[in-house]
Amino acid sequence: MTQPVDFSKIQFGAIFVFHDPRNWALDTQIMCDVIQGIIGGSHETNHTRKPVDLVFCNPDLIWQSDFEAPRMGQGAFRVAFQAVFQASLSSTAKFHREQSDVLFLQSLTGSTYPYIQFGKPTEATYNFAEIMLKHRLQGVPKSSLYMVGDNPESDIAGANTAGWKSILVHTGVYDPHRGPPSHQPTHQAEDVAEAVRWALEQEFC
C-alpha cells in the first residue's frame, strides 16, 4: 500500500513541466512553494538552500485542437507562472516558519524566476533530434532533414535555425487567410500527407 509522505522533509532540486498543466492555480502555488522552500526546505536556511532548477519542455504559446480557435499551451502557462511569481515576491517581505526562530528573507527584486527551456524551437531540441535521426539513419545528410509542422513560431523557426528544410501545413495553428507566416518555410502544404509527398519528391525524383 502507498505510504504517506511528509514532503516538508524532502529536498527538491528541480521542477520539470513536461506537459500543459490542467490546474494552473494549484500547479503555480506548488511551484512557488517549492522554489521558496515552503515545501521541501524546512531543514535549510535561505542562505544555504540551493536554488531549484526550473525546466519547461514546450514553449508553445498556443496549439491547435479540435476546437475552432487555437488553445493556450505550456508557453502560456510559463508566462502566467512568471507573472504570479514576480508579483508574489514583490508583495512578500518575510516568511516565518512555524515552531522555529529561523527567518526566511526573500529577495524582493520583483523579478521573474530563471528557467531552462527545451522544446521547439530551441537549438538543443533540434540538435538532439538530428543526432537521433543520424544514429538510426546512417549517412543521412543535413540537407535531407525535414520538419513538418503547423506553427511558424516553433516548428518552422526551429527548423530554419537548425538548417533543416521546413514544411508549413495549413491544418493547425497557421491560417494562410490571416497573412504570411512569421517565419518563412521552405515549402507550404495543405496537410501532412501533401508535405510528406513533397519531401519524397525532393529526395527521389
N, C-alpha and C. Protein backbone atom coordinates (compact mmCIF):
# COMPACT_ATOMS: atom_id res chain seq x y z
N MET A 1 0.83 -1.19 0.00
CA MET A 1 0.00 0.00 0.00
C MET A 1 0.88 1.25 0.00
N THR A 2 0.34 2.30 -0.54
CA THR A 2 1.06 3.57 -0.58
C THR A 2 1.19 4.15 0.82
N GLN A 3 2.42 4.53 1.17
CA GLN A 3 2.67 5.11 2.47
C GLN A 3 2.59 6.64 2.40
N PRO A 4 2.07 7.28 3.45
CA PRO A 4 2.04 8.75 3.46
C PRO A 4 3.44 9.33 3.47
N VAL A 5 3.61 10.44 2.79
CA VAL A 5 4.92 11.09 2.67
C VAL A 5 4.83 12.52 3.19
N ASP A 6 5.79 12.89 4.00
CA ASP A 6 5.88 14.26 4.51
C ASP A 6 6.80 15.04 3.59
N PHE A 7 6.22 15.76 2.64
CA PHE A 7 7.01 16.47 1.64
C PHE A 7 7.79 17.64 2.22
N SER A 8 7.43 18.06 3.44
CA SER A 8 8.18 19.15 4.06
C SER A 8 9.60 18.73 4.41
N LYS A 9 9.85 17.42 4.44
CA LYS A 9 11.17 16.91 4.80
C LYS A 9 11.94 16.40 3.59
N ILE A 10 11.39 16.56 2.40
CA ILE A 10 12.05 16.10 1.19
C ILE A 10 12.60 17.30 0.44
N GLN A 11 13.88 17.29 0.16
CA GLN A 11 14.52 18.39 -0.54
C GLN A 11 14.34 18.22 -2.05
N PHE A 12 13.84 19.25 -2.71
CA PHE A 12 13.64 19.22 -4.15
C PHE A 12 14.76 19.99 -4.85
N GLY A 13 15.30 19.39 -5.91
CA GLY A 13 16.37 20.05 -6.65
C GLY A 13 15.91 20.67 -7.95
N ALA A 14 14.76 20.21 -8.47
CA ALA A 14 14.31 20.71 -9.77
C ALA A 14 12.80 20.52 -9.93
N ILE A 15 12.23 21.36 -10.77
CA ILE A 15 10.83 21.26 -11.18
C ILE A 15 10.82 21.08 -12.70
N PHE A 16 10.19 20.01 -13.17
CA PHE A 16 10.05 19.76 -14.60
C PHE A 16 8.58 19.90 -15.00
N VAL A 17 8.33 20.75 -15.97
CA VAL A 17 6.99 20.90 -16.52
C VAL A 17 6.99 20.17 -17.86
N PHE A 18 6.49 18.93 -17.86
CA PHE A 18 6.54 18.09 -19.05
C PHE A 18 5.39 18.34 -20.02
N HIS A 19 4.23 18.75 -19.48
CA HIS A 19 3.05 18.89 -20.34
C HIS A 19 2.23 20.08 -19.87
N ASP A 20 1.22 20.43 -20.66
CA ASP A 20 0.37 21.56 -20.30
C ASP A 20 -0.38 21.25 -19.01
N PRO A 21 -0.19 22.05 -17.96
CA PRO A 21 -0.90 21.79 -16.70
C PRO A 21 -2.42 21.92 -16.87
N ARG A 22 -3.14 21.12 -16.10
CA ARG A 22 -4.60 21.18 -16.11
C ARG A 22 -5.13 22.18 -15.10
N ASN A 23 -4.46 22.26 -13.94
CA ASN A 23 -4.89 23.15 -12.86
C ASN A 23 -3.80 24.19 -12.65
N TRP A 24 -3.89 25.30 -13.36
CA TRP A 24 -2.83 26.31 -13.33
C TRP A 24 -2.65 26.89 -11.93
N ALA A 25 -3.73 27.14 -11.22
CA ALA A 25 -3.63 27.75 -9.90
C ALA A 25 -2.89 26.83 -8.93
N LEU A 26 -3.29 25.56 -8.88
CA LEU A 26 -2.65 24.61 -7.98
C LEU A 26 -1.19 24.41 -8.33
N ASP A 27 -0.89 24.22 -9.62
CA ASP A 27 0.49 23.98 -10.03
C ASP A 27 1.38 25.20 -9.78
N THR A 28 0.84 26.39 -10.02
CA THR A 28 1.60 27.61 -9.74
C THR A 28 1.91 27.75 -8.26
N GLN A 29 0.92 27.44 -7.42
CA GLN A 29 1.12 27.51 -5.97
C GLN A 29 2.20 26.53 -5.52
N ILE A 30 2.13 25.29 -5.99
CA ILE A 30 3.12 24.29 -5.59
C ILE A 30 4.52 24.69 -6.07
N MET A 31 4.63 25.18 -7.29
CA MET A 31 5.93 25.61 -7.81
C MET A 31 6.52 26.74 -6.98
N CYS A 32 5.70 27.72 -6.64
CA CYS A 32 6.17 28.84 -5.81
C CYS A 32 6.60 28.34 -4.43
N ASP A 33 5.84 27.40 -3.86
CA ASP A 33 6.17 26.86 -2.53
C ASP A 33 7.50 26.11 -2.56
N VAL A 34 7.73 25.32 -3.60
CA VAL A 34 8.99 24.57 -3.70
C VAL A 34 10.16 25.53 -3.90
N ILE A 35 10.01 26.51 -4.78
CA ILE A 35 11.09 27.45 -5.05
C ILE A 35 11.45 28.27 -3.82
N GLN A 36 10.45 28.66 -3.03
CA GLN A 36 10.69 29.48 -1.85
C GLN A 36 11.03 28.67 -0.61
N GLY A 37 11.03 27.33 -0.73
CA GLY A 37 11.41 26.50 0.41
C GLY A 37 10.28 26.22 1.38
N ILE A 38 9.07 26.64 1.06
CA ILE A 38 7.94 26.35 1.92
C ILE A 38 7.65 24.85 1.92
N ILE A 39 7.84 24.23 0.76
CA ILE A 39 7.80 22.78 0.63
C ILE A 39 9.21 22.28 0.35
N GLY A 40 9.68 21.36 1.15
CA GLY A 40 10.98 20.74 0.89
C GLY A 40 12.19 21.55 1.29
N GLY A 41 12.02 22.57 2.10
CA GLY A 41 13.18 23.36 2.50
C GLY A 41 13.22 23.63 3.99
N SER A 42 12.55 22.79 4.78
CA SER A 42 12.39 23.05 6.20
C SER A 42 13.69 22.95 7.00
N HIS A 43 14.66 22.20 6.49
CA HIS A 43 15.88 21.96 7.25
C HIS A 43 17.02 22.86 6.83
N GLU A 44 16.75 23.81 5.94
CA GLU A 44 17.82 24.68 5.46
C GLU A 44 17.40 26.14 5.59
N THR A 45 18.38 27.01 5.79
CA THR A 45 18.12 28.44 5.79
C THR A 45 18.14 28.94 4.36
N ASN A 46 17.66 30.14 4.15
CA ASN A 46 17.62 30.71 2.82
C ASN A 46 19.01 30.89 2.23
N HIS A 47 20.04 31.00 3.11
CA HIS A 47 21.40 31.24 2.64
C HIS A 47 22.08 29.95 2.22
N THR A 48 21.68 28.81 2.77
CA THR A 48 22.33 27.55 2.44
C THR A 48 21.55 26.74 1.41
N ARG A 49 20.28 27.04 1.22
CA ARG A 49 19.46 26.27 0.30
C ARG A 49 19.83 26.59 -1.15
N LYS A 50 20.10 25.55 -1.94
CA LYS A 50 20.45 25.74 -3.34
C LYS A 50 19.19 26.10 -4.15
N PRO A 51 19.34 26.97 -5.15
CA PRO A 51 18.18 27.31 -5.98
C PRO A 51 17.61 26.07 -6.67
N VAL A 52 16.32 26.06 -6.83
CA VAL A 52 15.65 24.95 -7.51
C VAL A 52 15.65 25.21 -9.01
N ASP A 53 16.15 24.26 -9.79
CA ASP A 53 16.11 24.40 -11.24
C ASP A 53 14.67 24.30 -11.73
N LEU A 54 14.34 25.12 -12.71
CA LEU A 54 13.00 25.10 -13.30
C LEU A 54 13.14 24.83 -14.79
N VAL A 55 12.53 23.74 -15.25
CA VAL A 55 12.68 23.31 -16.64
C VAL A 55 11.31 23.21 -17.30
N PHE A 56 11.14 23.93 -18.40
CA PHE A 56 9.93 23.82 -19.22
C PHE A 56 10.27 23.06 -20.49
N CYS A 57 9.35 22.21 -20.94
CA CYS A 57 9.63 21.32 -22.07
C CYS A 57 8.93 21.70 -23.36
N ASN A 58 8.14 22.76 -23.33
CA ASN A 58 7.44 23.17 -24.55
C ASN A 58 7.13 24.66 -24.47
N PRO A 59 7.72 25.47 -25.34
CA PRO A 59 7.49 26.92 -25.27
C PRO A 59 6.27 27.41 -26.04
N ASP A 60 5.52 26.50 -26.67
CA ASP A 60 4.39 26.93 -27.50
C ASP A 60 3.38 27.73 -26.69
N LEU A 61 3.12 28.96 -27.15
CA LEU A 61 2.10 29.79 -26.50
C LEU A 61 0.71 29.26 -26.81
N ILE A 62 0.51 28.81 -28.04
CA ILE A 62 -0.78 28.27 -28.44
C ILE A 62 -0.57 26.97 -29.23
N TRP A 63 -1.65 26.17 -29.32
CA TRP A 63 -1.63 24.97 -30.12
C TRP A 63 -3.04 24.74 -30.65
N GLN A 64 -3.13 23.88 -31.66
CA GLN A 64 -4.42 23.67 -32.29
C GLN A 64 -5.01 22.32 -31.89
N SER A 65 -6.28 22.35 -31.46
CA SER A 65 -7.01 21.12 -31.14
C SER A 65 -8.22 21.03 -32.06
N ASP A 66 -9.20 20.24 -31.68
CA ASP A 66 -10.42 20.15 -32.48
C ASP A 66 -11.29 21.40 -32.34
N PHE A 67 -10.98 22.23 -31.36
CA PHE A 67 -11.73 23.47 -31.17
C PHE A 67 -11.43 24.42 -32.32
N GLU A 68 -12.35 25.31 -32.61
CA GLU A 68 -12.21 26.16 -33.79
C GLU A 68 -11.10 27.20 -33.68
N ALA A 69 -10.72 27.56 -32.48
CA ALA A 69 -9.66 28.55 -32.27
C ALA A 69 -8.50 27.91 -31.52
N PRO A 70 -7.27 28.39 -31.73
CA PRO A 70 -6.11 27.83 -31.02
C PRO A 70 -6.28 27.90 -29.51
N ARG A 71 -5.72 26.92 -28.81
CA ARG A 71 -5.79 26.83 -27.35
C ARG A 71 -4.45 27.22 -26.74
N MET A 72 -4.46 27.72 -25.50
CA MET A 72 -3.22 28.10 -24.83
C MET A 72 -2.44 26.86 -24.43
N GLY A 73 -1.12 26.92 -24.59
CA GLY A 73 -0.26 25.79 -24.29
C GLY A 73 0.66 26.06 -23.11
N GLN A 74 1.73 25.26 -23.04
CA GLN A 74 2.64 25.36 -21.91
C GLN A 74 3.38 26.70 -21.88
N GLY A 75 3.60 27.27 -23.05
CA GLY A 75 4.23 28.59 -23.09
C GLY A 75 3.39 29.65 -22.39
N ALA A 76 2.08 29.54 -22.54
CA ALA A 76 1.19 30.48 -21.86
C ALA A 76 1.23 30.26 -20.35
N PHE A 77 1.32 28.99 -19.94
CA PHE A 77 1.42 28.71 -18.50
C PHE A 77 2.72 29.29 -17.94
N ARG A 78 3.82 29.19 -18.68
CA ARG A 78 5.09 29.74 -18.21
C ARG A 78 4.97 31.25 -18.00
N VAL A 79 4.34 31.94 -18.94
CA VAL A 79 4.15 33.39 -18.82
C VAL A 79 3.30 33.71 -17.59
N ALA A 80 2.22 32.95 -17.38
CA ALA A 80 1.34 33.18 -16.24
C ALA A 80 2.06 32.91 -14.92
N PHE A 81 2.83 31.81 -14.88
CA PHE A 81 3.58 31.49 -13.66
C PHE A 81 4.57 32.59 -13.32
N GLN A 82 5.31 33.07 -14.31
CA GLN A 82 6.31 34.11 -14.06
C GLN A 82 5.66 35.39 -13.56
N ALA A 83 4.49 35.71 -14.08
CA ALA A 83 3.78 36.91 -13.62
C ALA A 83 3.37 36.77 -12.16
N VAL A 84 2.87 35.59 -11.79
CA VAL A 84 2.47 35.36 -10.41
C VAL A 84 3.69 35.35 -9.50
N PHE A 85 4.76 34.69 -9.92
CA PHE A 85 5.97 34.63 -9.10
C PHE A 85 6.56 36.02 -8.87
N GLN A 86 6.59 36.83 -9.93
CA GLN A 86 7.11 38.19 -9.82
C GLN A 86 6.26 39.02 -8.87
N ALA A 87 4.95 38.88 -8.97
CA ALA A 87 4.05 39.64 -8.10
C ALA A 87 4.15 39.17 -6.66
N SER A 88 4.30 37.85 -6.46
CA SER A 88 4.35 37.33 -5.10
C SER A 88 5.63 37.74 -4.39
N LEU A 89 6.73 37.81 -5.12
CA LEU A 89 7.98 38.26 -4.50
C LEU A 89 7.91 39.74 -4.16
N SER A 90 7.21 40.49 -4.97
CA SER A 90 7.13 41.93 -4.72
C SER A 90 6.27 42.25 -3.50
N SER A 91 5.36 41.35 -3.16
CA SER A 91 4.43 41.63 -2.07
C SER A 91 4.76 40.88 -0.78
N THR A 92 5.74 39.97 -0.82
CA THR A 92 6.08 39.18 0.35
C THR A 92 7.43 39.61 0.90
N ALA A 93 7.47 40.10 2.12
CA ALA A 93 8.73 40.58 2.69
C ALA A 93 9.40 39.53 3.55
N LYS A 94 8.62 38.76 4.30
CA LYS A 94 9.20 37.80 5.24
C LYS A 94 8.33 36.55 5.30
N PHE A 95 9.00 35.49 5.66
CA PHE A 95 8.26 34.24 5.89
C PHE A 95 8.78 33.58 7.16
N HIS A 96 7.92 33.41 8.15
CA HIS A 96 8.30 32.76 9.40
C HIS A 96 7.85 31.31 9.38
N ARG A 97 8.76 30.41 9.63
CA ARG A 97 8.38 29.02 9.77
C ARG A 97 7.77 28.80 11.14
N GLU A 98 6.71 27.98 11.18
CA GLU A 98 6.08 27.66 12.45
C GLU A 98 7.03 26.82 13.30
N GLN A 99 7.01 27.05 14.60
CA GLN A 99 7.80 26.30 15.57
C GLN A 99 9.30 26.45 15.32
N SER A 100 9.71 27.61 14.87
CA SER A 100 11.13 27.85 14.63
C SER A 100 11.41 29.33 14.71
N ASP A 101 12.66 29.66 15.06
CA ASP A 101 13.07 31.05 15.09
C ASP A 101 13.75 31.47 13.80
N VAL A 102 13.83 30.54 12.83
CA VAL A 102 14.51 30.83 11.58
C VAL A 102 13.66 31.80 10.75
N LEU A 103 14.29 32.79 10.19
CA LEU A 103 13.60 33.79 9.39
C LEU A 103 14.05 33.66 7.94
N PHE A 104 13.10 33.47 7.06
CA PHE A 104 13.41 33.38 5.64
C PHE A 104 13.19 34.75 5.02
N LEU A 105 14.22 35.33 4.44
CA LEU A 105 14.11 36.62 3.76
C LEU A 105 14.11 36.39 2.26
N GLN A 106 13.08 36.81 1.60
CA GLN A 106 13.00 36.65 0.15
C GLN A 106 13.64 37.87 -0.53
N SER A 107 14.37 37.60 -1.59
CA SER A 107 14.98 38.70 -2.34
C SER A 107 13.90 39.42 -3.12
N LEU A 108 13.52 40.56 -2.64
CA LEU A 108 12.37 41.28 -3.19
C LEU A 108 12.78 42.10 -4.41
N THR A 109 13.16 41.38 -5.47
CA THR A 109 13.57 42.06 -6.69
C THR A 109 12.39 42.29 -7.62
N GLY A 110 11.30 41.57 -7.38
CA GLY A 110 10.17 41.67 -8.29
C GLY A 110 10.50 41.10 -9.65
N SER A 111 11.47 40.20 -9.71
CA SER A 111 11.92 39.65 -10.99
C SER A 111 11.29 38.29 -11.24
N THR A 112 11.39 37.84 -12.48
CA THR A 112 10.92 36.51 -12.81
C THR A 112 11.96 35.48 -12.38
N TYR A 113 11.56 34.21 -12.38
CA TYR A 113 12.46 33.16 -11.92
C TYR A 113 13.23 32.58 -13.11
N PRO A 114 14.54 32.37 -12.96
CA PRO A 114 15.33 31.81 -14.07
C PRO A 114 14.87 30.39 -14.41
N TYR A 115 14.86 30.07 -15.69
CA TYR A 115 14.39 28.76 -16.10
C TYR A 115 15.17 28.26 -17.30
N ILE A 116 15.06 26.96 -17.55
CA ILE A 116 15.66 26.32 -18.71
C ILE A 116 14.53 25.93 -19.66
N GLN A 117 14.70 26.25 -20.93
CA GLN A 117 13.65 25.96 -21.90
C GLN A 117 14.10 24.92 -22.91
N PHE A 118 13.35 23.83 -23.03
CA PHE A 118 13.54 22.86 -24.09
C PHE A 118 12.30 22.85 -24.97
N GLY A 119 12.34 22.05 -26.02
CA GLY A 119 11.22 22.00 -26.95
C GLY A 119 11.45 22.92 -28.14
N LYS A 120 10.65 22.74 -29.17
CA LYS A 120 10.78 23.59 -30.36
C LYS A 120 10.46 25.04 -30.00
N PRO A 121 11.23 26.02 -30.49
CA PRO A 121 12.29 25.94 -31.48
C PRO A 121 13.70 25.96 -30.90
N THR A 122 13.92 25.51 -29.67
CA THR A 122 15.23 25.63 -29.06
C THR A 122 16.28 24.81 -29.81
N GLU A 123 17.49 25.31 -29.83
CA GLU A 123 18.57 24.66 -30.56
C GLU A 123 18.85 23.26 -30.01
N ALA A 124 18.80 23.11 -28.68
CA ALA A 124 19.10 21.81 -28.08
C ALA A 124 18.15 20.73 -28.56
N THR A 125 16.88 21.08 -28.75
CA THR A 125 15.88 20.11 -29.19
C THR A 125 16.18 19.61 -30.59
N TYR A 126 16.49 20.52 -31.51
CA TYR A 126 16.78 20.12 -32.88
C TYR A 126 18.12 19.40 -32.99
N ASN A 127 19.09 19.80 -32.19
CA ASN A 127 20.37 19.10 -32.18
C ASN A 127 20.19 17.66 -31.73
N PHE A 128 19.38 17.46 -30.68
CA PHE A 128 19.14 16.10 -30.19
C PHE A 128 18.40 15.27 -31.24
N ALA A 129 17.39 15.87 -31.87
CA ALA A 129 16.64 15.16 -32.90
C ALA A 129 17.55 14.77 -34.07
N GLU A 130 18.45 15.67 -34.44
CA GLU A 130 19.36 15.38 -35.55
C GLU A 130 20.31 14.23 -35.19
N ILE A 131 20.80 14.22 -33.97
CA ILE A 131 21.67 13.13 -33.52
C ILE A 131 20.94 11.80 -33.58
N MET A 132 19.70 11.77 -33.11
CA MET A 132 18.92 10.54 -33.11
C MET A 132 18.61 10.07 -34.54
N LEU A 133 18.28 11.00 -35.42
CA LEU A 133 17.98 10.64 -36.81
C LEU A 133 19.21 10.07 -37.50
N LYS A 134 20.35 10.70 -37.30
CA LYS A 134 21.58 10.23 -37.95
C LYS A 134 22.05 8.91 -37.35
N HIS A 135 21.71 8.67 -36.09
CA HIS A 135 22.07 7.40 -35.46
C HIS A 135 21.23 6.26 -36.06
N ARG A 136 19.96 6.52 -36.32
CA ARG A 136 19.07 5.49 -36.85
C ARG A 136 19.15 5.37 -38.37
N LEU A 137 19.45 6.48 -39.01
CA LEU A 137 19.55 6.51 -40.48
C LEU A 137 20.98 6.86 -40.85
N GLN A 138 21.84 5.86 -40.88
CA GLN A 138 23.26 6.08 -41.09
C GLN A 138 23.51 6.79 -42.43
N GLY A 139 24.29 7.87 -42.35
CA GLY A 139 24.70 8.56 -43.56
C GLY A 139 23.73 9.61 -44.07
N VAL A 140 22.63 9.83 -43.38
CA VAL A 140 21.68 10.84 -43.86
C VAL A 140 22.29 12.24 -43.70
N PRO A 141 22.33 13.03 -44.77
CA PRO A 141 22.90 14.38 -44.67
C PRO A 141 21.90 15.38 -44.08
N LYS A 142 22.41 16.49 -43.59
CA LYS A 142 21.52 17.53 -43.04
C LYS A 142 20.55 18.04 -44.09
N SER A 143 20.98 18.04 -45.35
CA SER A 143 20.12 18.55 -46.41
C SER A 143 18.88 17.68 -46.64
N SER A 144 18.88 16.47 -46.05
CA SER A 144 17.73 15.57 -46.20
C SER A 144 16.86 15.52 -44.96
N LEU A 145 17.07 16.45 -44.04
CA LEU A 145 16.24 16.51 -42.84
C LEU A 145 15.11 17.51 -43.04
N TYR A 146 13.89 17.08 -42.76
CA TYR A 146 12.71 17.91 -42.96
C TYR A 146 11.94 18.03 -41.65
N MET A 147 11.37 19.21 -41.46
CA MET A 147 10.47 19.44 -40.35
C MET A 147 9.09 19.78 -40.91
N VAL A 148 8.09 19.00 -40.54
CA VAL A 148 6.72 19.27 -40.96
C VAL A 148 5.96 19.76 -39.74
N GLY A 149 5.41 20.95 -39.80
CA GLY A 149 4.71 21.49 -38.64
C GLY A 149 3.69 22.54 -39.02
N ASP A 150 2.84 22.89 -38.04
CA ASP A 150 1.75 23.84 -38.28
C ASP A 150 1.98 25.18 -37.60
N ASN A 151 3.08 25.31 -36.84
CA ASN A 151 3.31 26.53 -36.06
C ASN A 151 4.58 27.23 -36.54
N PRO A 152 4.46 28.37 -37.20
CA PRO A 152 5.66 29.08 -37.68
C PRO A 152 6.62 29.48 -36.57
N GLU A 153 6.07 29.82 -35.38
CA GLU A 153 6.90 30.30 -34.29
C GLU A 153 7.79 29.21 -33.69
N SER A 154 7.35 27.96 -33.77
CA SER A 154 8.13 26.87 -33.17
C SER A 154 8.69 25.92 -34.22
N ASP A 155 7.81 25.29 -34.97
CA ASP A 155 8.23 24.29 -35.95
C ASP A 155 9.14 24.88 -37.03
N ILE A 156 8.68 25.93 -37.66
CA ILE A 156 9.40 26.49 -38.79
C ILE A 156 10.63 27.28 -38.34
N ALA A 157 10.48 28.07 -37.29
CA ALA A 157 11.61 28.85 -36.79
C ALA A 157 12.75 27.94 -36.36
N GLY A 158 12.43 26.87 -35.66
CA GLY A 158 13.46 25.96 -35.19
C GLY A 158 14.15 25.24 -36.32
N ALA A 159 13.37 24.77 -37.31
CA ALA A 159 13.95 24.07 -38.44
C ALA A 159 14.86 24.98 -39.26
N ASN A 160 14.42 26.21 -39.49
CA ASN A 160 15.24 27.15 -40.25
C ASN A 160 16.56 27.43 -39.55
N THR A 161 16.51 27.61 -38.24
CA THR A 161 17.73 27.88 -37.48
C THR A 161 18.67 26.69 -37.49
N ALA A 162 18.08 25.47 -37.46
CA ALA A 162 18.89 24.25 -37.43
C ALA A 162 19.46 23.89 -38.80
N GLY A 163 19.01 24.57 -39.85
CA GLY A 163 19.49 24.26 -41.18
C GLY A 163 18.74 23.12 -41.86
N TRP A 164 17.53 22.82 -41.36
CA TRP A 164 16.70 21.79 -41.98
C TRP A 164 15.78 22.43 -43.02
N LYS A 165 15.20 21.60 -43.87
CA LYS A 165 14.12 22.07 -44.73
C LYS A 165 12.84 22.09 -43.88
N SER A 166 12.02 23.08 -44.09
CA SER A 166 10.81 23.24 -43.28
C SER A 166 9.57 23.27 -44.17
N ILE A 167 8.54 22.54 -43.74
CA ILE A 167 7.27 22.50 -44.48
C ILE A 167 6.16 22.91 -43.54
N LEU A 168 5.47 23.98 -43.88
CA LEU A 168 4.38 24.51 -43.06
C LEU A 168 3.05 23.99 -43.59
N VAL A 169 2.29 23.30 -42.75
CA VAL A 169 0.98 22.79 -43.16
C VAL A 169 -0.12 23.73 -42.69
N HIS A 170 -1.26 23.64 -43.37
CA HIS A 170 -2.38 24.56 -43.12
C HIS A 170 -3.48 23.92 -42.29
N THR A 171 -3.16 22.89 -41.52
CA THR A 171 -4.19 22.16 -40.79
C THR A 171 -4.09 22.35 -39.28
N GLY A 172 -3.42 23.40 -38.83
CA GLY A 172 -3.25 23.59 -37.39
C GLY A 172 -3.27 25.05 -37.00
N VAL A 173 -2.23 25.49 -36.30
CA VAL A 173 -2.17 26.86 -35.79
C VAL A 173 -2.16 27.88 -36.92
N TYR A 174 -1.37 27.62 -37.95
CA TYR A 174 -1.23 28.62 -39.02
C TYR A 174 -2.44 28.63 -39.94
N ASP A 175 -2.97 29.82 -40.17
CA ASP A 175 -4.10 30.02 -41.08
C ASP A 175 -3.64 30.95 -42.20
N PRO A 176 -3.51 30.44 -43.42
CA PRO A 176 -3.00 31.28 -44.52
C PRO A 176 -3.88 32.47 -44.84
N HIS A 177 -5.14 32.44 -44.42
CA HIS A 177 -6.04 33.56 -44.69
C HIS A 177 -5.75 34.77 -43.81
N ARG A 178 -4.91 34.58 -42.79
CA ARG A 178 -4.57 35.68 -41.88
C ARG A 178 -3.25 36.36 -42.22
N GLY A 179 -2.70 36.02 -43.38
CA GLY A 179 -1.47 36.67 -43.80
C GLY A 179 -0.30 35.71 -43.84
N PRO A 180 0.85 36.19 -44.29
CA PRO A 180 2.03 35.33 -44.42
C PRO A 180 2.55 34.89 -43.05
N PRO A 181 3.24 33.74 -42.99
CA PRO A 181 3.77 33.25 -41.71
C PRO A 181 4.88 34.14 -41.18
N SER A 182 5.04 34.15 -39.88
CA SER A 182 6.07 34.97 -39.24
C SER A 182 7.48 34.46 -39.56
N HIS A 183 7.61 33.18 -39.88
CA HIS A 183 8.88 32.59 -40.31
C HIS A 183 8.63 31.86 -41.61
N GLN A 184 9.43 32.19 -42.63
CA GLN A 184 9.18 31.66 -43.96
C GLN A 184 9.67 30.22 -44.09
N PRO A 185 8.79 29.29 -44.44
CA PRO A 185 9.19 27.90 -44.60
C PRO A 185 9.82 27.64 -45.96
N THR A 186 10.44 26.50 -46.11
CA THR A 186 10.95 26.08 -47.41
C THR A 186 9.80 25.82 -48.36
N HIS A 187 8.71 25.29 -47.82
CA HIS A 187 7.55 24.94 -48.64
C HIS A 187 6.30 24.96 -47.77
N GLN A 188 5.14 25.19 -48.38
CA GLN A 188 3.87 25.11 -47.69
C GLN A 188 3.02 24.01 -48.31
N ALA A 189 2.23 23.31 -47.47
CA ALA A 189 1.38 22.23 -47.94
C ALA A 189 0.04 22.29 -47.23
N GLU A 190 -0.97 21.75 -47.86
CA GLU A 190 -2.30 21.78 -47.26
C GLU A 190 -2.38 20.91 -46.01
N ASP A 191 -1.71 19.74 -46.04
CA ASP A 191 -1.77 18.83 -44.90
C ASP A 191 -0.48 18.02 -44.83
N VAL A 192 -0.40 17.12 -43.85
CA VAL A 192 0.82 16.35 -43.63
C VAL A 192 1.09 15.40 -44.81
N ALA A 193 0.04 14.78 -45.34
CA ALA A 193 0.23 13.85 -46.46
C ALA A 193 0.86 14.56 -47.66
N GLU A 194 0.38 15.75 -47.97
CA GLU A 194 0.95 16.51 -49.08
C GLU A 194 2.39 16.92 -48.77
N ALA A 195 2.65 17.26 -47.50
CA ALA A 195 4.01 17.64 -47.11
C ALA A 195 4.99 16.49 -47.28
N VAL A 196 4.58 15.29 -46.87
CA VAL A 196 5.44 14.12 -46.99
C VAL A 196 5.69 13.79 -48.46
N ARG A 197 4.65 13.87 -49.29
CA ARG A 197 4.82 13.61 -50.73
C ARG A 197 5.83 14.58 -51.34
N TRP A 198 5.73 15.85 -50.96
CA TRP A 198 6.64 16.85 -51.50
C TRP A 198 8.08 16.55 -51.08
N ALA A 199 8.27 16.19 -49.82
CA ALA A 199 9.61 15.87 -49.33
C ALA A 199 10.20 14.67 -50.07
N LEU A 200 9.38 13.63 -50.28
CA LEU A 200 9.84 12.45 -51.02
C LEU A 200 10.21 12.79 -52.45
N GLU A 201 9.46 13.69 -53.06
CA GLU A 201 9.77 14.10 -54.42
C GLU A 201 11.11 14.80 -54.49
N GLN A 202 11.44 15.58 -53.46
CA GLN A 202 12.71 16.29 -53.45
C GLN A 202 13.89 15.33 -53.36
N GLU A 203 13.68 14.20 -52.69
CA GLU A 203 14.76 13.26 -52.44
C GLU A 203 14.90 12.19 -53.53
N PHE A 204 13.78 11.82 -54.17
CA PHE A 204 13.84 10.65 -55.05
C PHE A 204 13.45 10.94 -56.50
N CYS A 205 13.01 12.16 -56.78
CA CYS A 205 12.60 12.46 -58.17
C CYS A 205 13.65 13.33 -58.87
